C-alpha atoms as a PDB file:
ATOM      1  CA  MET A   1      11.607 -17.168  18.816  1.00  0.00           C
ATOM      2  CA  GLU A   2      12.022 -13.791  20.532  1.00  0.00           C
ATOM      3  CA  TYR A   3      11.111 -11.452  17.561  1.00  0.00           C
ATOM      4  CA  GLN A   4       7.171 -12.613  18.014  1.00  0.00           C
ATOM      5  CA  ARG A   5       7.239 -11.258  20.792  1.00  0.00           C
ATOM      6  CA  HIS A   6       7.325  -7.879  19.802  1.00  0.00           C
ATOM      7  CA  PRO A   7       3.802  -6.856  19.738  1.00  0.00           C
ATOM      8  CA  TYR A   8       3.393  -7.738  23.466  1.00  0.00           C
ATOM      9  CA  LEU A   9       6.686  -5.501  24.223  1.00  0.00           C
ATOM     10  CA  ALA A  10       5.067  -2.534  22.156  1.00  0.00           C
ATOM     11  CA  ALA A  11       1.744  -2.875  24.166  1.00  0.00           C
ATOM     12  CA  ASP A  12       3.362  -2.723  27.691  1.00  0.00           C
ATOM     13  CA  ILE A  13       5.387   0.173  26.766  1.00  0.00           C
ATOM     14  CA  LEU A  14       2.466   2.149  25.562  1.00  0.00           C
ATOM     15  CA  ARG A  15      -0.048   0.629  28.424  1.00  0.00           C
ATOM     16  CA  GLN A  16       2.484   2.903  30.882  1.00  0.00           C
ATOM     17  CA  TYR A  17       0.567   5.944  28.899  1.00  0.00           C
ATOM     18  CA  PRO A  18      -2.654   6.816  30.936  1.00  0.00           C
ATOM     19  CA  GLY A  19      -5.862   6.654  29.269  1.00  0.00           C
ATOM     20  CA  PHE A  20      -4.082   5.121  26.270  1.00  0.00           C
ATOM     21  CA  PRO A  21      -7.425   3.104  24.637  1.00  0.00           C
ATOM     22  CA  GLU A  22      -7.499  -0.251  25.158  1.00  0.00           C
ATOM     23  CA  GLU A  23      -8.615  -0.741  21.634  1.00  0.00           C
ATOM     24  CA  VAL A  24      -5.408   0.436  20.379  1.00  0.00           C
ATOM     25  CA  LEU A  25      -3.206  -1.673  22.184  1.00  0.00           C
ATOM     26  CA  ASP A  26      -5.405  -4.499  20.827  1.00  0.00           C
ATOM     27  CA  ILE A  27      -4.619  -3.432  17.266  1.00  0.00           C
ATOM     28  CA  ILE A  28      -0.436  -3.309  18.551  1.00  0.00           C
ATOM     29  CA  ARG A  29      -0.817  -6.997  20.150  1.00  0.00           C
ATOM     30  CA  SER A  30      -2.825  -8.720  17.502  1.00  0.00           C
ATOM     31  CA  HIS A  31      -2.096  -7.050  13.696  1.00  0.00           C
ATOM     32  CA  HIS A  32       0.341  -9.871  13.076  1.00  0.00           C
ATOM     33  CA  GLU A  33      -2.411 -12.724  13.770  1.00  0.00           C
ATOM     34  CA  ARG A  34      -3.498 -14.358  11.067  1.00  0.00           C
ATOM     35  CA  LEU A  35      -7.264 -15.874   9.958  1.00  0.00           C
ATOM     36  CA  ASP A  36      -5.597 -19.563  10.034  1.00  0.00           C
ATOM     37  CA  GLY A  37      -3.899 -19.015  12.889  1.00  0.00           C
ATOM     38  CA  SER A  38      -0.209 -19.234  11.725  1.00  0.00           C
ATOM     39  CA  GLY A  39       0.207 -15.660  12.875  1.00  0.00           C
ATOM     40  CA  TYR A  40       1.907 -14.587  16.339  1.00  0.00           C
ATOM     41  CA  PRO A  41       2.323 -13.894  19.532  1.00  0.00           C
ATOM     42  CA  GLU A  42      -0.867 -15.705  20.625  1.00  0.00           C
ATOM     43  CA  LYS A  43      -1.956 -17.727  17.317  1.00  0.00           C
ATOM     44  CA  LEU A  44      -5.150 -16.602  17.162  1.00  0.00           C
ATOM     45  CA  LYS A  45      -8.024 -17.428  15.062  1.00  0.00           C
ATOM     46  CA  GLY A  46     -10.904 -15.924  12.964  1.00  0.00           C
ATOM     47  CA  ASP A  47     -13.233 -14.314  15.259  1.00  0.00           C
ATOM     48  CA  GLN A  48     -10.799 -13.883  17.312  1.00  0.00           C
ATOM     49  CA  ILE A  49      -8.789 -11.103  15.869  1.00  0.00           C
ATOM     50  CA  SER A  50     -10.373  -8.024  15.995  1.00  0.00           C
ATOM     51  CA  LEU A  51     -11.334  -6.260  12.859  1.00  0.00           C
ATOM     52  CA  PRO A  52      -9.250  -3.249  13.421  1.00  0.00           C
ATOM     53  CA  ALA A  53      -6.806  -5.972  13.800  1.00  0.00           C
ATOM     54  CA  ARG A  54      -7.313  -7.856  10.890  1.00  0.00           C
ATOM     55  CA  ILE A  55      -7.639  -4.253   8.526  1.00  0.00           C
ATOM     56  CA  VAL A  56      -3.709  -3.545  10.347  1.00  0.00           C
ATOM     57  CA  GLY A  57      -2.741  -6.554   9.903  1.00  0.00           C
ATOM     58  CA  ALA A  58      -3.306  -6.950   5.976  1.00  0.00           C
ATOM     59  CA  VAL A  59      -2.320  -3.425   5.279  1.00  0.00           C
ATOM     60  CA  GLU A  60       1.202  -4.201   7.281  1.00  0.00           C
ATOM     61  CA  HIS A  61       1.476  -7.242   5.210  1.00  0.00           C
ATOM     62  CA  TYR A  62       0.703  -5.322   1.473  1.00  0.00           C
ATOM     63  CA  ASP A  63       3.337  -2.857   2.749  1.00  0.00           C
ATOM     64  CA  ALA A  64       5.868  -5.578   3.722  1.00  0.00           C
ATOM     65  CA  LEU A  65       5.476  -6.913  -0.036  1.00  0.00           C
ATOM     66  CA  ILE A  66       5.902  -3.530  -1.727  1.00  0.00           C
ATOM     67  CA  ASN A  67       8.859  -2.446   0.070  1.00  0.00           C
ATOM     68  CA  HIS A  68      10.505  -5.672   1.179  1.00  0.00           C
ATOM     69  CA  LEU A  69      13.319  -5.369   3.130  1.00  0.00           C
ATOM     70  CA  ASP A  70      15.012  -7.808   0.193  1.00  0.00           C
ATOM     71  CA  PRO A  71      14.275  -5.266  -2.699  1.00  0.00           C
ATOM     72  CA  GLU A  72      14.439  -8.286  -5.406  1.00  0.00           C
ATOM     73  CA  GLN A  73      12.269  -9.879  -3.500  1.00  0.00           C
ATOM     74  CA  ALA A  74       9.326  -6.578  -3.504  1.00  0.00           C
ATOM     75  CA  VAL A  75       6.021  -6.838  -5.849  1.00  0.00           C
ATOM     76  CA  SER A  76       3.962  -4.025  -7.311  1.00  0.00           C
ATOM     77  CA  PRO A  77       0.920  -2.695  -5.712  1.00  0.00           C
ATOM     78  CA  ALA A  78      -1.415  -4.705  -8.090  1.00  0.00           C
ATOM     79  CA  GLU A  79       0.609  -7.734  -7.415  1.00  0.00           C
ATOM     80  CA  ALA A  80       0.654  -7.378  -3.640  1.00  0.00           C
ATOM     81  CA  LEU A  81      -3.361  -7.222  -3.711  1.00  0.00           C
ATOM     82  CA  ALA A  82      -3.721  -9.870  -6.112  1.00  0.00           C
ATOM     83  CA  ARG A  83      -1.482 -12.314  -4.164  1.00  0.00           C
ATOM     84  CA  MET A  84      -3.553 -11.510  -0.904  1.00  0.00           C
ATOM     85  CA  TYR A  85      -6.912 -11.967  -2.975  1.00  0.00           C
ATOM     86  CA  LYS A  86      -5.752 -15.583  -4.238  1.00  0.00           C
ATOM     87  CA  LEU A  87      -2.314 -17.091  -3.012  1.00  0.00           C
ATOM     88  CA  GLU A  88      -3.415 -15.749   0.736  1.00  0.00           C
ATOM     89  CA  LYS A  89      -6.633 -15.801   1.158  1.00  0.00           C
ATOM     90  CA  HIS A  90      -6.543 -18.217   4.266  1.00  0.00           C
ATOM     91  CA  LEU A  91      -4.590 -15.405   5.874  1.00  0.00           C
ATOM     92  CA  PHE A  92      -6.884 -12.408   5.805  1.00  0.00           C
ATOM     93  CA  ALA A  93     -10.125 -11.459   6.143  1.00  0.00           C
ATOM     94  CA  PRO A  94     -11.672 -11.404   2.185  1.00  0.00           C
ATOM     95  CA  ASP A  95     -14.342  -8.236   3.222  1.00  0.00           C
ATOM     96  CA  VAL A  96     -10.916  -6.559   4.103  1.00  0.00           C
ATOM     97  CA  VAL A  97      -8.598  -7.399   0.896  1.00  0.00           C
ATOM     98  CA  VAL A  98     -11.645  -6.574  -1.008  1.00  0.00           C
ATOM     99  CA  ALA A  99     -12.569  -3.397  -0.008  1.00  0.00           C
ATOM    100  CA  MET A 100      -8.589  -2.661   0.267  1.00  0.00           C
ATOM    101  CA  ILE A 101      -8.749  -3.453  -3.781  1.00  0.00           C
ATOM    102  CA  GLN A 102     -11.723  -1.453  -4.192  1.00  0.00           C
ATOM    103  CA  THR A 103      -9.993   1.559  -2.622  1.00  0.00           C
ATOM    104  CA  PHE A 104      -6.659   1.190  -4.007  1.00  0.00           C
ATOM    105  CA  GLY A 105      -8.686   0.701  -7.541  1.00  0.00           C
ATOM    106  CA  VAL A 106      -6.985  -0.565 -10.746  1.00  0.00           C
ATOM    107  CA  TYR A 107      -3.739   1.458 -10.400  1.00  0.00           C
ATOM    108  CA  PRO A 108      -2.569   0.988  -6.590  1.00  0.00           C
ATOM    109  CA  PRO A 109      -0.728   4.147  -5.765  1.00  0.00           C
ATOM    110  CA  GLY A 110       3.010   2.894  -6.186  1.00  0.00           C
ATOM    111  CA  THR A 111       2.722   1.285  -9.519  1.00  0.00           C
ATOM    112  CA  VAL A 112       4.380   1.747 -12.736  1.00  0.00           C
ATOM    113  CA  VAL A 113       2.205   2.359 -16.036  1.00  0.00           C
ATOM    114  CA  VAL A 114       2.971   2.617 -19.682  1.00  0.00           C
ATOM    115  CA  LEU A 115       1.340   5.634 -21.331  1.00  0.00           C
ATOM    116  CA  SER A 116      -0.279   5.797 -24.200  1.00  0.00           C
ATOM    117  CA  GLU A 117       2.942   8.310 -25.771  1.00  0.00           C
ATOM    118  CA  GLY A 118       4.834   5.299 -24.562  1.00  0.00           C
ATOM    119  CA  SER A 119       6.592   6.847 -21.242  1.00  0.00           C
ATOM    120  CA  LEU A 120       6.680   5.004 -18.104  1.00  0.00           C
ATOM    121  CA  GLY A 121       5.062   6.822 -15.164  1.00  0.00           C
ATOM    122  CA  LEU A 122       4.459   5.978 -11.305  1.00  0.00           C
ATOM    123  CA  VAL A 123       0.657   6.330  -9.786  1.00  0.00           C
ATOM    124  CA  LEU A 124       0.865   8.777  -6.726  1.00  0.00           C
ATOM    125  CA  ASN A 125      -2.345   8.851  -5.690  1.00  0.00           C
ATOM    126  CA  ILE A 126      -5.744   7.655  -6.169  1.00  0.00           C
ATOM    127  CA  ASN A 127      -8.246  10.180  -8.005  1.00  0.00           C
ATOM    128  CA  PHE A 128     -11.631   8.953  -6.688  1.00  0.00           C
ATOM    129  CA  GLU A 129     -13.335  10.561  -8.580  1.00  0.00           C
ATOM    130  CA  ALA A 130     -11.995   9.399 -12.117  1.00  0.00           C
ATOM    131  CA  ARG A 131      -9.874   6.244 -10.843  1.00  0.00           C
ATOM    132  CA  LEU A 132      -7.829   5.469 -14.493  1.00  0.00           C
ATOM    133  CA  LYS A 133      -6.996   9.384 -14.479  1.00  0.00           C
ATOM    134  CA  PRO A 134      -4.599   9.632 -11.249  1.00  0.00           C
ATOM    135  CA  LEU A 135      -1.389  11.866 -11.009  1.00  0.00           C
ATOM    136  CA  VAL A 136       1.725  10.257 -12.246  1.00  0.00           C
ATOM    137  CA  LEU A 137       5.410  10.745 -11.970  1.00  0.00           C
ATOM    138  CA  ILE A 138       6.963  10.727 -15.267  1.00  0.00           C
ATOM    139  CA  TYR A 139      10.171   8.556 -15.353  1.00  0.00           C
ATOM    140  CA  ASP A 140      12.988  11.087 -16.675  1.00  0.00           C
ATOM    141  CA  PRO A 141      16.481  10.307 -15.868  1.00  0.00           C
ATOM    142  CA  ASP A 142      17.105  13.535 -17.024  1.00  0.00           C
ATOM    143  CA  ALA A 143      14.896  15.883 -14.539  1.00  0.00           C
ATOM    144  CA  SER A 144      15.649  17.126 -11.182  1.00  0.00           C
ATOM    145  CA  LYS A 145      15.414  14.453  -8.713  1.00  0.00           C
ATOM    146  CA  ASP A 146      13.819  17.026  -6.318  1.00  0.00           C
ATOM    147  CA  HIS A 147      11.253  18.356  -8.892  1.00  0.00           C
ATOM    148  CA  PRO A 148      10.755  15.357 -11.039  1.00  0.00           C
ATOM    149  CA  PRO A 149       7.534  16.042 -13.540  1.00  0.00           C
ATOM    150  CA  THR A 150       3.945  14.816 -13.162  1.00  0.00           C
ATOM    151  CA  VAL A 151       0.869  14.355 -15.237  1.00  0.00           C
ATOM    152  CA  ASP A 152      -2.272  14.975 -14.011  1.00  0.00           C
ATOM    153  CA  LEU A 153      -4.615  12.941 -16.025  1.00  0.00           C
ATOM    154  CA  SER A 154      -7.752  14.271 -14.719  1.00  0.00           C
ATOM    155  CA  LEU A 155      -6.668  17.598 -16.066  1.00  0.00           C
ATOM    156  CA  ASP A 156      -4.278  16.597 -19.526  1.00  0.00           C
ATOM    157  CA  SER A 157      -6.670  14.245 -21.471  1.00  0.00           C
ATOM    158  CA  ARG A 158      -3.511  13.533 -24.203  1.00  0.00           C
ATOM    159  CA  PRO A 159      -1.665  10.673 -21.857  1.00  0.00           C
ATOM    160  CA  THR A 160      -3.649   7.975 -21.024  1.00  0.00           C
ATOM    161  CA  ILE A 161      -2.312   4.466 -18.895  1.00  0.00           C
ATOM    162  CA  VAL A 162      -2.050   1.709 -21.522  1.00  0.00           C
ATOM    163  CA  ARG A 163      -1.358  -1.217 -18.902  1.00  0.00           C
ATOM    164  CA  ALA A 164       0.567  -1.697 -15.458  1.00  0.00           C
ATOM    165  CA  MET A 165       3.408  -3.279 -15.028  1.00  0.00           C
ATOM    166  CA  SER A 166       5.337  -6.034 -13.055  1.00  0.00           C
ATOM    167  CA  ARG A 167       8.068  -5.603 -11.012  1.00  0.00           C
ATOM    168  CA  ALA A 168       9.822  -8.159 -12.864  1.00  0.00           C
ATOM    169  CA  GLU A 169       9.473  -6.056 -16.192  1.00  0.00           C
ATOM    170  CA  LEU A 170      11.421  -3.408 -14.533  1.00  0.00           C
ATOM    171  CA  PRO A 171      14.565  -2.164 -15.576  1.00  0.00           C
ATOM    172  CA  ARG A 172      17.157  -2.251 -12.761  1.00  0.00           C
ATOM    173  CA  HIS A 173      17.528   2.137 -13.133  1.00  0.00           C
ATOM    174  CA  VAL A 174      13.649   2.268 -13.397  1.00  0.00           C
ATOM    175  CA  ILE A 175      13.093   0.612 -10.009  1.00  0.00           C
ATOM    176  CA  GLU A 176      15.826   3.056  -9.198  1.00  0.00           C
ATOM    177  CA  TYR A 177      14.436   6.079 -10.329  1.00  0.00           C
ATOM    178  CA  PHE A 178      10.754   5.302  -8.973  1.00  0.00           C
ATOM    179  CA  HIS A 179      12.105   4.356  -5.596  1.00  0.00           C
ATOM    180  CA  LEU A 180       8.837   3.333  -3.700  1.00  0.00           C
ATOM    181  CA  LYS A 181       9.888   4.420  -0.279  1.00  0.00           C
ATOM    182  CA  ARG A 182      10.904   7.542  -1.403  1.00  0.00           C
ATOM    183  CA  TRP A 183       6.789   8.728  -2.628  1.00  0.00           C
ATOM    184  CA  THR A 184       4.779   7.024   0.599  1.00  0.00           C
ATOM    185  CA  GLY A 185       3.993  10.395   2.498  1.00  0.00           C
ATOM    186  CA  TYR A 186       3.273  11.738  -0.854  1.00  0.00           C
ATOM    187  CA  PHE A 187       0.456   8.381  -1.624  1.00  0.00           C
ATOM    188  CA  ILE A 188      -0.871   9.284   1.588  1.00  0.00           C
ATOM    189  CA  GLN A 189      -1.043  13.120   1.389  1.00  0.00           C
ATOM    190  CA  SER A 190      -1.903  13.389  -1.942  1.00  0.00           C
ATOM    191  CA  SER A 191      -4.682  10.613  -1.654  1.00  0.00           C
ATOM    192  CA  MET A 192      -6.105  12.189   1.598  1.00  0.00           C
ATOM    193  CA  GLN A 193      -6.169  15.515  -0.427  1.00  0.00           C
ATOM    194  CA  THR A 194      -8.554  13.974  -2.975  1.00  0.00           C
ATOM    195  CA  VAL A 195     -10.471  12.957  -0.045  1.00  0.00           C
ATOM    196  CA  ARG A 196     -11.033  16.614   1.437  1.00  0.00           C
ATOM    197  CA  ASP A 197     -11.597  18.127  -1.904  1.00  0.00           C
ATOM    198  CA  GLU A 198     -14.545  16.093  -2.749  1.00  0.00           C
ATOM    199  CA  ALA A 199     -16.064  16.051   0.686  1.00  0.00           C
ATOM    200  CA  ALA A 200     -15.400  20.202   0.094  1.00  0.00           C
ATOM    201  CA  ALA A 201     -17.424  20.128  -2.445  1.00  0.00           C
END
Protein backbone atom coordinates (compact mmCIF):
# COMPACT_ATOMS: atom_id res chain seq x y z
CA MET A 1 0.00 0.00 0.00
CA GLU A 2 1.24 3.48 -0.85
CA TYR A 3 0.20 4.74 2.59
CA GLN A 4 2.73 2.41 4.21
CA ARG A 5 5.53 4.25 2.46
CA HIS A 6 4.95 7.47 4.40
CA PRO A 7 7.65 6.75 7.02
CA TYR A 8 10.21 6.49 4.19
CA LEU A 9 8.93 9.68 2.58
CA ALA A 10 9.04 11.63 5.85
CA ALA A 11 12.59 10.46 6.59
CA ASP A 12 13.72 11.37 3.06
CA ILE A 13 12.34 14.88 3.43
CA LEU A 14 14.03 15.46 6.78
CA ARG A 15 17.33 13.98 5.59
CA GLN A 16 17.67 17.02 3.34
CA TYR A 17 18.35 19.13 6.42
CA PRO A 18 22.09 19.00 7.28
CA GLY A 19 22.84 17.48 10.65
CA PHE A 20 19.43 15.96 11.22
CA PRO A 21 20.08 13.14 13.75
CA GLU A 22 20.11 9.66 12.25
CA GLU A 23 18.55 8.32 15.46
CA VAL A 24 15.48 10.49 14.88
CA LEU A 25 15.27 9.40 11.25
CA ASP A 26 15.30 5.79 12.46
CA ILE A 27 12.36 6.51 14.79
CA ILE A 28 10.42 8.10 11.94
CA ARG A 29 11.08 5.14 9.64
CA SER A 30 10.27 2.51 12.27
CA HIS A 31 7.48 3.87 14.51
CA HIS A 32 4.88 1.70 12.71
CA GLU A 33 6.93 -1.49 13.05
CA ARG A 34 5.65 -4.12 15.49
CA LEU A 35 7.45 -6.80 17.52
CA ASP A 36 5.81 -9.68 15.67
CA GLY A 37 6.74 -8.34 12.23
CA SER A 38 3.20 -7.26 11.33
CA GLY A 39 4.10 -3.59 11.06
CA TYR A 40 5.48 -1.55 8.20
CA PRO A 41 7.31 -0.46 6.07
CA GLU A 42 10.08 -3.08 6.55
CA LYS A 43 8.30 -5.78 8.59
CA LEU A 44 11.00 -5.56 11.28
CA LYS A 45 10.79 -7.89 14.28
CA GLY A 46 11.90 -7.83 17.90
CA ASP A 47 15.35 -6.37 18.44
CA GLN A 48 15.48 -5.17 14.84
CA ILE A 49 13.37 -2.26 16.14
CA SER A 50 15.34 0.23 18.22
CA LEU A 51 14.14 1.04 21.75
CA PRO A 52 13.29 4.68 20.89
CA ALA A 53 11.22 3.48 17.92
CA ARG A 54 9.43 0.94 20.15
CA ILE A 55 8.58 3.70 22.63
CA VAL A 56 7.29 6.13 20.00
CA GLY A 57 5.39 3.33 18.25
CA ALA A 58 3.60 2.35 21.46
CA VAL A 59 2.74 5.95 22.35
CA GLU A 60 1.52 6.65 18.80
CA HIS A 61 -0.75 3.58 18.95
CA TYR A 62 -2.05 4.60 22.38
CA ASP A 63 -2.94 8.03 21.00
CA ALA A 64 -4.65 6.43 17.98
CA LEU A 65 -6.83 4.32 20.28
CA ILE A 66 -8.09 7.20 22.41
CA ASN A 67 -8.28 9.68 19.51
CA HIS A 68 -9.61 7.27 16.90
CA LEU A 69 -10.55 8.75 13.53
CA ASP A 70 -13.98 7.21 14.09
CA PRO A 71 -15.18 8.61 17.44
CA GLU A 72 -17.46 5.61 17.90
CA GLN A 73 -14.40 3.35 18.07
CA ALA A 74 -12.41 5.48 20.49
CA VAL A 75 -11.70 3.99 23.92
CA SER A 76 -10.78 5.51 27.27
CA PRO A 77 -7.10 5.90 28.23
CA ALA A 78 -7.38 3.10 30.80
CA GLU A 79 -9.04 0.82 28.25
CA ALA A 80 -6.29 1.62 25.72
CA LEU A 81 -3.55 0.66 28.16
CA ALA A 82 -5.40 -2.52 29.16
CA ARG A 83 -5.81 -3.52 25.51
CA MET A 84 -2.13 -2.96 24.77
CA TYR A 85 -1.08 -4.90 27.86
CA LYS A 86 -3.48 -7.85 27.57
CA LEU A 87 -4.57 -8.20 23.95
CA GLU A 88 -1.78 -6.59 21.96
CA LYS A 89 1.28 -7.70 23.94
CA HIS A 90 2.62 -9.45 20.83
CA LEU A 91 2.85 -6.05 19.12
CA PHE A 92 4.63 -3.93 21.73
CA ALA A 93 7.60 -4.37 24.05
CA PRO A 94 6.28 -5.38 27.49
CA ASP A 95 8.73 -3.12 29.32
CA VAL A 96 7.55 -0.13 27.29
CA VAL A 97 3.86 -0.78 27.98
CA VAL A 98 4.52 -1.40 31.69
CA ALA A 99 6.47 1.88 31.85
CA MET A 100 3.51 3.67 30.25
CA ILE A 101 1.14 2.17 32.83
CA GLN A 102 3.44 3.13 35.69
CA THR A 103 3.81 6.66 34.37
CA PHE A 104 0.14 7.33 33.58
CA GLY A 105 -1.06 5.70 36.79
CA VAL A 106 -4.51 4.41 37.71
CA TYR A 107 -6.29 7.33 36.09
CA PRO A 108 -4.41 8.40 32.94
CA PRO A 109 -5.04 11.91 31.59
CA GLY A 110 -8.23 11.83 29.54
CA THR A 111 -9.99 9.37 31.86
CA VAL A 112 -13.57 10.28 32.79
CA VAL A 113 -14.16 9.58 36.47
CA VAL A 114 -17.06 9.59 38.91
CA LEU A 115 -16.41 11.76 41.96
CA SER A 116 -17.70 11.03 45.45
CA GLU A 117 -20.29 13.81 45.34
CA GLY A 118 -21.74 12.34 42.16
CA SER A 119 -20.29 14.65 39.51
CA LEU A 120 -18.28 13.56 36.49
CA GLY A 121 -14.76 14.78 35.86
CA LEU A 122 -12.06 14.49 33.24
CA VAL A 123 -8.55 13.81 34.55
CA LEU A 124 -6.26 16.53 33.19
CA ASN A 125 -2.83 15.67 34.51
CA ILE A 126 -0.61 13.19 36.29
CA ASN A 127 0.02 14.04 39.92
CA PHE A 128 3.32 12.27 40.56
CA GLU A 129 3.16 13.04 44.28
CA ALA A 130 -0.40 11.73 44.77
CA ARG A 131 -1.58 9.73 41.76
CA LEU A 132 -5.13 9.43 43.10
CA LYS A 133 -5.48 13.21 43.37
CA PRO A 134 -5.08 14.74 39.90
CA LEU A 135 -6.45 17.96 38.49
CA VAL A 136 -9.98 17.27 37.24
CA LEU A 137 -12.19 19.15 34.78
CA ILE A 138 -15.78 19.06 36.09
CA TYR A 139 -18.72 18.28 33.83
CA ASP A 140 -20.92 21.37 33.92
CA PRO A 141 -22.89 22.06 30.73
CA ASP A 142 -23.93 25.48 32.08
CA ALA A 143 -20.36 26.68 32.60
CA SER A 144 -18.37 28.85 30.19
CA LYS A 145 -16.69 26.74 27.50
CA ASP A 146 -13.62 28.93 27.73
CA HIS A 147 -13.35 28.63 31.51
CA PRO A 148 -14.86 25.30 32.63
CA PRO A 149 -14.63 24.49 36.34
CA THR A 150 -11.70 22.42 37.58
CA VAL A 151 -10.86 20.87 40.92
CA ASP A 152 -7.35 20.07 42.12
CA LEU A 153 -7.98 17.01 44.25
CA SER A 154 -4.58 17.39 45.90
CA LEU A 155 -5.74 20.70 47.38
CA ASP A 156 -9.39 19.87 48.03
CA SER A 157 -9.82 16.75 50.18
CA ARG A 158 -13.62 16.64 49.96
CA PRO A 159 -14.23 15.07 46.54
CA THR A 160 -12.48 11.82 45.81
CA ILE A 161 -12.47 9.58 42.75
CA VAL A 162 -14.88 6.67 43.10
CA ARG A 163 -14.15 4.93 39.79
CA ALA A 164 -13.25 5.40 36.16
CA MET A 165 -15.88 5.16 33.43
CA SER A 166 -15.48 3.23 30.21
CA ARG A 167 -16.12 4.94 26.90
CA ALA A 168 -19.24 2.79 26.38
CA GLU A 169 -20.81 4.16 29.58
CA LEU A 170 -20.60 7.80 28.54
CA PRO A 171 -23.63 9.55 27.03
CA ARG A 172 -22.91 11.44 23.82
CA HIS A 173 -23.38 14.86 25.46
CA VAL A 174 -20.71 13.99 28.03
CA ILE A 175 -18.32 12.80 25.32
CA GLU A 176 -18.88 16.03 23.41
CA TYR A 177 -18.29 18.13 26.52
CA PHE A 178 -15.10 16.24 27.37
CA HIS A 179 -13.77 16.48 23.80
CA LEU A 180 -10.41 14.78 24.35
CA LYS A 181 -8.42 16.39 21.56
CA ARG A 182 -9.35 19.81 22.88
CA TRP A 183 -7.40 19.11 26.07
CA THR A 184 -4.47 17.03 24.77
CA GLY A 185 -2.04 19.94 24.91
CA TYR A 186 -3.22 20.75 28.41
CA PHE A 187 -2.53 17.19 29.57
CA ILE A 188 1.07 17.54 28.41
CA GLN A 189 1.53 21.05 29.77
CA SER A 190 0.04 20.39 33.19
CA SER A 191 1.82 17.06 33.63
CA MET A 192 5.17 18.55 32.64
CA GLN A 193 4.57 21.46 35.03
CA THR A 194 4.11 18.92 37.83
CA VAL A 195 7.45 17.33 36.93
CA ARG A 196 9.19 20.73 36.84
CA ASP A 197 7.70 21.73 40.20
CA GLU A 198 8.89 18.50 41.82
CA ALA A 199 12.37 18.89 40.34
CA ALA A 200 12.62 22.44 41.71
CA ALA A 201 11.44 21.42 45.17
